[in-house]
């Protein structure tokens, strides 16, 4: 029996927690910032597996937040420690682990 449903995939709690170790939430992104700028800002912490910057088709701009997945969990942890509160495009971005976001 599945204990957690995430992205339509059944996961055990252990697998879900492991899934969260690689991913971070980035909030308060300036609407003028493009995906490549976000990627370049977070690339120094480790290899990036994926970046999702949700787009609002009505307003024709991204929604001001992103989810980033690293290849290694240490990169995600380091990015959270060093990038939270950093100015990016004139905005102080918020960077959290995915697990921290889900628990808020």
Protein backbone atom coordinates (compact mmCIF):
# COMPACT_ATOMS: atom_id res chain seq x y z
CA UNK A 1 0.00 0.00 0.00
CA UNK A 2 1.29 3.46 -0.90
CA UNK A 3 1.89 5.90 1.91
CA UNK A 4 2.33 8.96 -0.27
CA UNK A 5 1.18 10.01 -3.72
CA UNK A 6 3.45 12.41 -5.55
CA UNK A 7 3.18 13.30 -9.23
CA UNK A 8 0.83 10.33 -9.69
CA UNK A 9 3.53 7.88 -8.58
CA UNK A 10 3.05 5.71 -5.51
CA UNK A 11 5.98 6.13 -3.14
CA UNK A 12 6.85 4.76 0.26
CA UNK A 13 7.79 7.33 2.91
CA UNK A 14 11.48 6.41 2.57
CA UNK A 15 11.42 6.87 -1.21
CA UNK A 16 9.50 10.12 -0.86
CA UNK A 17 12.05 11.52 1.61
CA UNK A 18 14.88 10.48 -0.72
CA UNK A 19 13.01 12.16 -3.59
CA UNK A 20 12.87 15.40 -1.57
CA UNK A 21 16.61 15.43 -0.81
CA UNK A 22 17.46 16.23 -4.43
CA UNK A 23 14.90 18.99 -4.96
CA UNK A 24 14.58 22.60 -3.87
CA UNK A 25 11.93 25.29 -4.10
CA UNK A 26 12.97 28.77 -5.27
CA UNK A 27 10.47 31.54 -4.56
CA UNK A 28 10.15 35.29 -5.08
CA UNK A 29 11.73 35.14 -8.54
CA UNK A 30 11.54 38.39 -10.49
CA UNK A 31 9.03 37.97 -13.34
CA UNK A 32 11.60 39.38 -15.77
CA UNK A 33 14.11 36.62 -15.00
CA UNK A 34 14.32 33.81 -17.53
CA UNK A 35 14.91 30.11 -16.83
CA UNK A 36 18.53 30.20 -18.04
CA UNK A 37 19.39 32.92 -15.48
CA UNK A 38 17.97 30.82 -12.63
CA UNK A 39 19.85 27.78 -13.90
CA UNK A 40 23.16 29.68 -14.12
CA UNK A 41 22.71 31.04 -10.57
CA UNK A 42 22.30 27.52 -9.14
CA UNK A 43 24.73 25.61 -11.36
CA UNK A 44 27.82 26.31 -9.16
CA UNK A 45 26.40 24.03 -6.43
CA UNK A 46 26.29 20.92 -8.59
CA UNK A 47 24.94 19.33 -11.74
CA UNK A 48 21.29 20.19 -12.37
CA UNK A 49 19.01 17.38 -13.48
CA UNK A 50 15.92 19.52 -14.13
CA UNK A 51 14.40 22.95 -13.59
CA UNK A 52 10.69 23.70 -13.65
CA UNK A 53 9.61 27.35 -13.85
CA UNK A 54 5.80 27.16 -14.11
CA UNK A 55 4.32 29.47 -16.74
CA UNK A 56 0.99 31.33 -16.55
CA UNK A 57 -0.47 31.27 -20.06
CA UNK A 58 -3.06 33.95 -19.24
CA UNK A 59 -0.59 36.48 -17.84
CA UNK A 60 2.11 35.27 -20.26
CA UNK A 61 4.88 35.11 -17.69
CA UNK A 62 6.24 32.62 -15.18
CA UNK A 63 4.58 32.38 -11.77
CA UNK A 64 7.53 33.64 -9.73
CA UNK A 65 8.70 30.31 -8.34
CA UNK A 66 10.63 27.26 -9.52
CA UNK A 67 11.50 23.71 -8.58
CA UNK A 68 15.03 22.56 -9.22
CA UNK A 69 16.39 19.02 -9.05
CA UNK A 70 20.07 18.27 -8.57
CA UNK A 71 21.89 15.05 -9.43
CA UNK A 72 23.28 14.84 -5.88
CA UNK A 73 21.56 15.71 -2.58
CA UNK A 74 24.59 17.62 -1.22
CA UNK A 75 24.20 20.16 -4.02
CA UNK A 76 20.60 20.83 -3.01
CA UNK A 77 21.59 21.30 0.62
CA UNK A 78 24.45 23.65 -0.28
CA UNK A 79 22.22 25.71 -2.60
CA UNK A 80 19.66 26.19 0.18
CA UNK A 81 22.35 27.28 2.64
CA UNK A 82 24.05 29.74 0.28
CA UNK A 83 21.24 31.08 -1.94
CA UNK A 84 18.40 31.77 0.49
CA UNK A 85 17.98 35.54 0.72
CA UNK A 86 20.35 36.28 -2.19
CA UNK A 87 19.35 39.08 -4.58
CA UNK A 88 18.52 37.78 -8.06
CA UNK A 89 17.20 40.28 -10.57
CA UNK A 90 16.53 42.80 -7.81
CA UNK A 91 14.46 40.37 -5.68
CA UNK A 92 15.54 38.57 -2.53
CA UNK A 93 14.83 34.94 -3.42
CA UNK A 94 13.59 32.33 -0.98
CA UNK A 95 15.24 28.91 -1.28
CA UNK A 96 13.96 25.92 0.68
CA UNK A 97 14.23 22.18 0.49
CA UNK A 98 11.16 20.61 -1.06
CA UNK A 99 10.45 18.81 2.21
CA UNK A 100 10.51 22.08 4.18
CA UNK A 101 7.97 23.55 1.75
CA UNK A 102 5.64 20.60 2.15
CA UNK A 103 5.78 20.84 5.95
CA UNK A 104 4.95 24.56 6.11
